[in-house]
Structures are given as structure tokens and as C-alpha cells.
């Protein structure tokens, strides 16, 4: 069970309460996202490189 606030009802949150957040949850989301990106790059590396090269070529005008 997650406690939303440790202050009593009707009181404003203390400085410590405002600094608390779901840091472990955000860390987990960030790590999982990084894993998914790495896995996708491992599988689709050539397609990603080609797409990025084509995008840069079209922006710089050095495309064929």
C-alpha cells in the first residue's frame, strides 16, 4: 500500500512530504524504456541507420 501523504487531514504538507515522489517507479519506467530501445536497435539496427541517414540527407540536401 502506498501512502499519499504523512500529514494529517487539513494540514499543509511539510517540506519532506513535498519532496517525496515515486522515484523508484520513474526509475523503473526509464530502465524498461532503455531496455526496449536497445532491444529494438539490436533487431532493427540497419533499418534505423538507413532511416537516420536518409533523414539527414534530405535535411542537408546532399541526398541522391
PDB file of N, CA and C in Angstrom:
ATOM      1  N   UNK A   1       0.847  -1.176   0.000  1.00  0.00           N
ATOM      2  CA  UNK A   1       0.000   0.000   0.000  1.00  0.00           C
ATOM      3  C   UNK A   1       0.894   1.241   0.000  1.00  0.00           C
ATOM      4  N   UNK A   2       0.541   2.222  -0.794  1.00  0.00           N
ATOM      5  CA  UNK A   2       1.340   3.438  -0.920  1.00  0.00           C
ATOM      6  C   UNK A   2       0.668   4.548  -0.130  1.00  0.00           C
ATOM      7  N   UNK A   3       1.433   5.212   0.702  1.00  0.00           N
ATOM      8  CA  UNK A   3       0.925   6.333   1.484  1.00  0.00           C
ATOM      9  C   UNK A   3       1.071   7.608   0.667  1.00  0.00           C
ATOM     10  N   UNK A   4      -0.024   8.321   0.492  1.00  0.00           N
ATOM     11  CA  UNK A   4       0.000   9.545  -0.309  1.00  0.00           C
ATOM     12  C   UNK A   4       0.664  10.664   0.446  1.00  0.00           C
ATOM     13  N   UNK A   5       0.348  10.823   1.700  1.00  0.00           N
ATOM     14  CA  UNK A   5       0.927  11.899   2.490  1.00  0.00           C
ATOM     15  C   UNK A   5       0.924  11.496   3.945  1.00  0.00           C
ATOM     16  N   UNK A   6       1.962  11.921   4.645  1.00  0.00           N
ATOM     17  CA  UNK A   6       2.023  11.571   6.058  1.00  0.00           C
ATOM     18  C   UNK A   6       1.442  12.670   6.939  1.00  0.00           C
ATOM     19  N   UNK A   7       1.025  13.788   6.352  1.00  0.00           N
ATOM     20  CA  UNK A   7       0.455  14.868   7.157  1.00  0.00           C
ATOM     21  C   UNK A   7      -1.006  14.582   7.467  1.00  0.00           C
ATOM     22  N   UNK A   8      -1.489  15.149   8.559  1.00  0.00           N
ATOM     23  CA  UNK A   8      -2.887  14.956   8.948  1.00  0.00           C
ATOM     24  C   UNK A   8      -3.806  15.732   8.027  1.00  0.00           C
ATOM     25  N   UNK A   9      -5.044  15.277   7.978  1.00  0.00           N
ATOM     26  CA  UNK A   9      -6.044  15.925   7.139  1.00  0.00           C
ATOM     27  C   UNK A   9      -6.198  17.389   7.544  1.00  0.00           C
ATOM     28  N   UNK A  10      -6.152  18.282   6.568  1.00  0.00           N
ATOM     29  CA  UNK A  10      -6.340  19.698   6.840  1.00  0.00           C
ATOM     30  C   UNK A  10      -5.043  20.465   7.008  1.00  0.00           C
ATOM     31  N   UNK A  11      -3.946  19.765   7.221  1.00  0.00           N
ATOM     32  CA  UNK A  11      -2.659  20.441   7.354  1.00  0.00           C
ATOM     33  C   UNK A  11      -1.966  20.506   6.005  1.00  0.00           C
ATOM     34  N   UNK A  12      -1.190  21.547   5.800  1.00  0.00           N
ATOM     35  CA  UNK A  12      -0.421  21.614   4.565  1.00  0.00           C
ATOM     36  C   UNK A  12       0.764  20.668   4.671  1.00  0.00           C
ATOM     37  N   UNK A  13       1.192  20.120   3.549  1.00  0.00           N
ATOM     38  CA  UNK A  13       2.302  19.171   3.589  1.00  0.00           C
ATOM     39  C   UNK A  13       3.594  19.852   4.037  1.00  0.00           C
ATOM     40  N   UNK A  14       4.413  19.098   4.723  1.00  0.00           N
ATOM     41  CA  UNK A  14       5.702  19.632   5.151  1.00  0.00           C
ATOM     42  C   UNK A  14       6.675  19.588   3.982  1.00  0.00           C
ATOM     43  N   UNK A  15       7.828  20.174   4.174  1.00  0.00           N
ATOM     44  CA  UNK A  15       8.858  20.185   3.116  1.00  0.00           C
ATOM     45  C   UNK A  15       9.248  18.761   2.723  1.00  0.00           C
ATOM     46  N   UNK A  16       9.356  17.869   3.719  1.00  0.00           N
ATOM     47  CA  UNK A  16       9.715  16.485   3.431  1.00  0.00           C
ATOM     48  C   UNK A  16       8.651  15.793   2.595  1.00  0.00           C
ATOM     49  N   UNK A  17       7.372  16.069   2.874  1.00  0.00           N
ATOM     50  CA  UNK A  17       6.286  15.441   2.124  1.00  0.00           C
ATOM     51  C   UNK A  17       6.287  15.894   0.668  1.00  0.00           C
ATOM     52  N   UNK A  18       6.575  17.159   0.410  1.00  0.00           N
ATOM     53  CA  UNK A  18       6.579  17.661  -0.964  1.00  0.00           C
ATOM     54  C   UNK A  18       7.724  17.065  -1.765  1.00  0.00           C
ATOM     55  N   UNK A  19       8.824  16.721  -1.110  1.00  0.00           N
ATOM     56  CA  UNK A  19       9.975  16.176  -1.822  1.00  0.00           C
ATOM     57  C   UNK A  19       9.824  14.695  -2.137  1.00  0.00           C
ATOM     58  N   UNK A  20       8.857  14.046  -1.517  1.00  0.00           N
ATOM     59  CA  UNK A  20       8.678  12.630  -1.779  1.00  0.00           C
ATOM     60  C   UNK A  20       7.955  12.442  -3.102  1.00  0.00           C
ATOM     61  N   UNK A  21       8.390  11.451  -3.842  1.00  0.00           N
ATOM     62  CA  UNK A  21       7.739  11.136  -5.097  1.00  0.00           C
ATOM     63  C   UNK A  21       7.903   9.661  -5.384  1.00  0.00           C
ATOM     64  N   UNK A  22       7.418   9.260  -6.514  1.00  0.00           N
ATOM     65  CA  UNK A  22       7.507   7.862  -6.898  1.00  0.00           C
ATOM     66  C   UNK A  22       8.789   7.645  -7.691  1.00  0.00           C
ATOM     67  N   UNK A  23       9.910   7.962  -7.068  1.00  0.00           N
ATOM     68  CA  UNK A  23      11.193   7.856  -7.751  1.00  0.00           C
ATOM     69  C   UNK A  23      11.463   6.432  -8.222  1.00  0.00           C
ATOM     70  N   UNK A  24      11.278   5.406  -7.408  1.00  0.00           N
ATOM     71  CA  UNK A  24      11.535   4.055  -7.904  1.00  0.00           C
ATOM     72  C   UNK A  24      10.670   3.692  -9.116  1.00  0.00           C
ATOM     73  N   UNK A  25       9.435   4.163  -9.147  1.00  0.00           N
ATOM     74  CA  UNK A  25       8.586   3.905 -10.307  1.00  0.00           C
ATOM     75  C   UNK A  25       9.123   4.566 -11.556  1.00  0.00           C
ATOM     76  N   UNK A  26       9.547   5.810 -11.431  1.00  0.00           N
ATOM     77  CA  UNK A  26      10.104   6.525 -12.594  1.00  0.00           C
ATOM     78  C   UNK A  26      11.417   5.897 -13.029  1.00  0.00           C
ATOM     79  N   UNK A  27      12.204   5.454 -12.071  1.00  0.00           N
ATOM     80  CA  UNK A  27      13.451   4.786 -12.430  1.00  0.00           C
ATOM     81  C   UNK A  27      13.159   3.506 -13.195  1.00  0.00           C
ATOM     82  N   UNK A  28      12.174   2.750 -12.727  1.00  0.00           N
ATOM     83  CA  UNK A  28      11.818   1.501 -13.397  1.00  0.00           C
ATOM     84  C   UNK A  28      11.317   1.759 -14.812  1.00  0.00           C
ATOM     85  N   UNK A  29      10.488   2.773 -14.986  1.00  0.00           N
ATOM     86  CA  UNK A  29       9.986   3.114 -16.322  1.00  0.00           C
ATOM     87  C   UNK A  29      11.139   3.506 -17.235  1.00  0.00           C
ATOM     88  N   UNK A  30      12.082   4.293 -16.725  1.00  0.00           N
ATOM     89  CA  UNK A  30      13.218   4.724 -17.528  1.00  0.00           C
ATOM     90  C   UNK A  30      14.090   3.540 -17.928  1.00  0.00           C
ATOM     91  N   UNK A  31      14.357   2.662 -16.985  1.00  0.00           N
ATOM     92  CA  UNK A  31      15.180   1.485 -17.280  1.00  0.00           C
ATOM     93  C   UNK A  31      14.482   0.577 -18.285  1.00  0.00           C
ATOM     94  N   UNK A  32      13.187   0.352 -18.099  1.00  0.00           N
ATOM     95  CA  UNK A  32      12.447  -0.503 -19.030  1.00  0.00           C
ATOM     96  C   UNK A  32      12.414   0.107 -20.430  1.00  0.00           C
ATOM     97  N   UNK A  33      12.255   1.427 -20.518  1.00  0.00           N
ATOM     98  CA  UNK A  33      12.263   2.092 -21.816  1.00  0.00           C
ATOM     99  C   UNK A  33      13.611   1.937 -22.489  1.00  0.00           C
ATOM    100  N   UNK A  34      14.685   2.102 -21.734  1.00  0.00           N
ATOM    101  CA  UNK A  34      16.024   1.937 -22.292  1.00  0.00           C
ATOM    102  C   UNK A  34      16.233   0.510 -22.802  1.00  0.00           C
ATOM    103  N   UNK A  35      15.734  -0.473 -22.068  1.00  0.00           N
ATOM    104  CA  UNK A  35      15.865  -1.866 -22.493  1.00  0.00           C
ATOM    105  C   UNK A  35      15.110  -2.107 -23.793  1.00  0.00           C
ATOM    106  N   UNK A  36      13.909  -1.556 -23.903  1.00  0.00           N
ATOM    107  CA  UNK A  36      13.115  -1.726 -25.124  1.00  0.00           C
ATOM    108  C   UNK A  36      13.830  -1.073 -26.310  1.00  0.00           C
ATOM    109  N   UNK A  37      14.370   0.127 -26.117  1.00  0.00           N
ATOM    110  CA  UNK A  37      15.078   0.822 -27.198  1.00  0.00           C
ATOM    111  C   UNK A  37      16.301   0.024 -27.631  1.00  0.00           C
ATOM    112  N   UNK A  38      17.065  -0.480 -26.675  1.00  0.00           N
ATOM    113  CA  UNK A  38      18.252  -1.274 -27.009  1.00  0.00           C
ATOM    114  C   UNK A  38      17.861  -2.550 -27.753  1.00  0.00           C
ATOM    115  N   UNK A  39      16.787  -3.196 -27.306  1.00  0.00           N
ATOM    116  CA  UNK A  39      16.334  -4.416 -27.981  1.00  0.00           C
ATOM    117  C   UNK A  39      15.885  -4.116 -29.410  1.00  0.00           C
ATOM    118  N   UNK A  40      15.147  -3.025 -29.595  1.00  0.00           N
ATOM    119  CA  UNK A  40      14.703  -2.657 -30.942  1.00  0.00           C
ATOM    120  C   UNK A  40      15.882  -2.299 -31.835  1.00  0.00           C
ATOM    121  N   UNK A  41      16.857  -1.586 -31.281  1.00  0.00           N
ATOM    122  CA  UNK A  41      18.037  -1.242 -32.072  1.00  0.00           C
ATOM    123  C   UNK A  41      18.841  -2.484 -32.441  1.00  0.00           C
ATOM    124  N   UNK A  42      18.883  -3.462 -31.551  1.00  0.00           N
ATOM    125  CA  UNK A  42      19.609  -4.695 -31.854  1.00  0.00           C
ATOM    126  C   UNK A  42      18.957  -5.431 -33.020  1.00  0.00           C
ATOM    127  N   UNK A  43      17.642  -5.416 -33.062  1.00  0.00           N
ATOM    128  CA  UNK A  43      16.924  -6.136 -34.116  1.00  0.00           C
ATOM    129  C   UNK A  43      16.867  -5.337 -35.413  1.00  0.00           C
ATOM    130  N   UNK A  44      16.621  -4.034 -35.306  1.00  0.00           N
ATOM    131  CA  UNK A  44      16.389  -3.200 -36.489  1.00  0.00           C
ATOM    132  C   UNK A  44      17.509  -2.192 -36.733  1.00  0.00           C
ATOM    133  N   UNK A  45      18.742  -2.557 -36.395  1.00  0.00           N
ATOM    134  CA  UNK A  45      19.870  -1.621 -36.474  1.00  0.00           C
ATOM    135  C   UNK A  45      20.037  -1.047 -37.881  1.00  0.00           C
ATOM    136  N   UNK A  46      20.086  -1.901 -38.879  1.00  0.00           N
ATOM    137  CA  UNK A  46      20.313  -1.439 -40.252  1.00  0.00           C
ATOM    138  C   UNK A  46      19.185  -0.517 -40.735  1.00  0.00           C
ATOM    139  N   UNK A  47      17.935  -0.867 -40.420  1.00  0.00           N
ATOM    140  CA  UNK A  47      16.818  -0.046 -40.849  1.00  0.00           C
ATOM    141  C   UNK A  47      16.849   1.324 -40.165  1.00  0.00           C
ATOM    142  N   UNK A  48      17.217   1.338 -38.887  1.00  0.00           N
ATOM    143  CA  UNK A  48      17.286   2.606 -38.155  1.00  0.00           C
ATOM    144  C   UNK A  48      18.406   3.473 -38.726  1.00  0.00           C
ATOM    145  N   UNK A  49      19.565   2.880 -38.970  1.00  0.00           N
ATOM    146  CA  UNK A  49      20.680   3.644 -39.543  1.00  0.00           C
ATOM    147  C   UNK A  49      20.325   4.204 -40.916  1.00  0.00           C
ATOM    148  N   UNK A  50      19.684   3.402 -41.740  1.00  0.00           N
ATOM    149  CA  UNK A  50      19.270   3.861 -43.066  1.00  0.00           C
ATOM    150  C   UNK A  50      18.261   5.002 -42.959  1.00  0.00           C
ATOM    151  N   UNK A  51      17.295   4.863 -42.065  1.00  0.00           N
ATOM    152  CA  UNK A  51      16.285   5.910 -41.900  1.00  0.00           C
ATOM    153  C   UNK A  51      16.917   7.212 -41.409  1.00  0.00           C
ATOM    154  N   UNK A  52      17.845   7.119 -40.467  1.00  0.00           N
ATOM    155  CA  UNK A  52      18.500   8.324 -39.952  1.00  0.00           C
ATOM    156  C   UNK A  52      19.369   8.959 -41.035  1.00  0.00           C
ATOM    157  N   UNK A  53      20.101   8.164 -41.777  1.00  0.00           N
ATOM    158  CA  UNK A  53      20.930   8.698 -42.856  1.00  0.00           C
ATOM    159  C   UNK A  53      20.067   9.378 -43.920  1.00  0.00           C
ATOM    160  N   UNK A  54      18.950   8.761 -44.268  1.00  0.00           N
ATOM    161  CA  UNK A  54      18.043   9.368 -45.250  1.00  0.00           C
ATOM    162  C   UNK A  54      17.465  10.676 -44.731  1.00  0.00           C
ATOM    163  N   UNK A  55      17.135  10.708 -43.447  1.00  0.00           N
ATOM    164  CA  UNK A  55      16.584  11.934 -42.859  1.00  0.00           C
ATOM    165  C   UNK A  55      17.621  13.047 -42.895  1.00  0.00           C
ATOM    166  N   UNK A  56      18.858  12.740 -42.497  1.00  0.00           N
ATOM    167  CA  UNK A  56      19.912  13.769 -42.532  1.00  0.00           C
ATOM    168  C   UNK A  56      20.210  14.207 -43.967  1.00  0.00           C
ATOM    169  N   UNK A  57      20.189  13.277 -44.891  1.00  0.00           N
ATOM    170  CA  UNK A  57      20.449  13.610 -46.289  1.00  0.00           C
ATOM    171  C   UNK A  57      19.377  14.537 -46.843  1.00  0.00           C
ATOM    172  N   UNK A  58      18.125  14.279 -46.495  1.00  0.00           N
ATOM    173  CA  UNK A  58      17.052  15.113 -47.014  1.00  0.00           C
ATOM    174  C   UNK A  58      17.069  16.506 -46.388  1.00  0.00           C
ATOM    175  N   UNK A  59      17.530  16.627 -45.156  1.00  0.00           N
ATOM    176  CA  UNK A  59      17.586  17.924 -44.490  1.00  0.00           C
ATOM    177  C   UNK A  59      18.757  18.740 -45.025  1.00  0.00           C
ATOM    178  N   UNK A  60      19.905  18.100 -45.224  1.00  0.00           N
ATOM    179  CA  UNK A  60      21.099  18.832 -45.684  1.00  0.00           C
ATOM    180  C   UNK A  60      21.114  19.007 -47.194  1.00  0.00           C
ATOM    181  N   UNK A  61      20.256  18.291 -47.906  1.00  0.00           N
ATOM    182  CA  UNK A  61      20.181  18.448 -49.342  1.00  0.00           C
ATOM    183  C   UNK A  61      21.259  17.668 -50.074  1.00  0.00           C
ATOM    184  N   UNK A  62      21.961  16.793 -49.388  1.00  0.00           N
ATOM    185  CA  UNK A  62      23.012  16.018 -50.054  1.00  0.00           C
ATOM    186  C   UNK A  62      22.526  14.648 -50.497  1.00  0.00           C
ATOM    187  N   UNK A  63      21.216  14.483 -50.562  1.00  0.00           N
ATOM    188  CA  UNK A  63      20.637  13.219 -50.976  1.00  0.00           C
ATOM    189  C   UNK A  63      20.712  13.053 -52.487  1.00  0.00           C
ATOM    190  N   UNK A  64      20.525  11.799 -52.936  1.00  0.00           N
ATOM    191  CA  UNK A  64      20.688  11.494 -54.349  1.00  0.00           C
ATOM    192  C   UNK A  64      19.487  11.669 -55.093  1.00  0.00           C
TER     193      UNK A  64
END
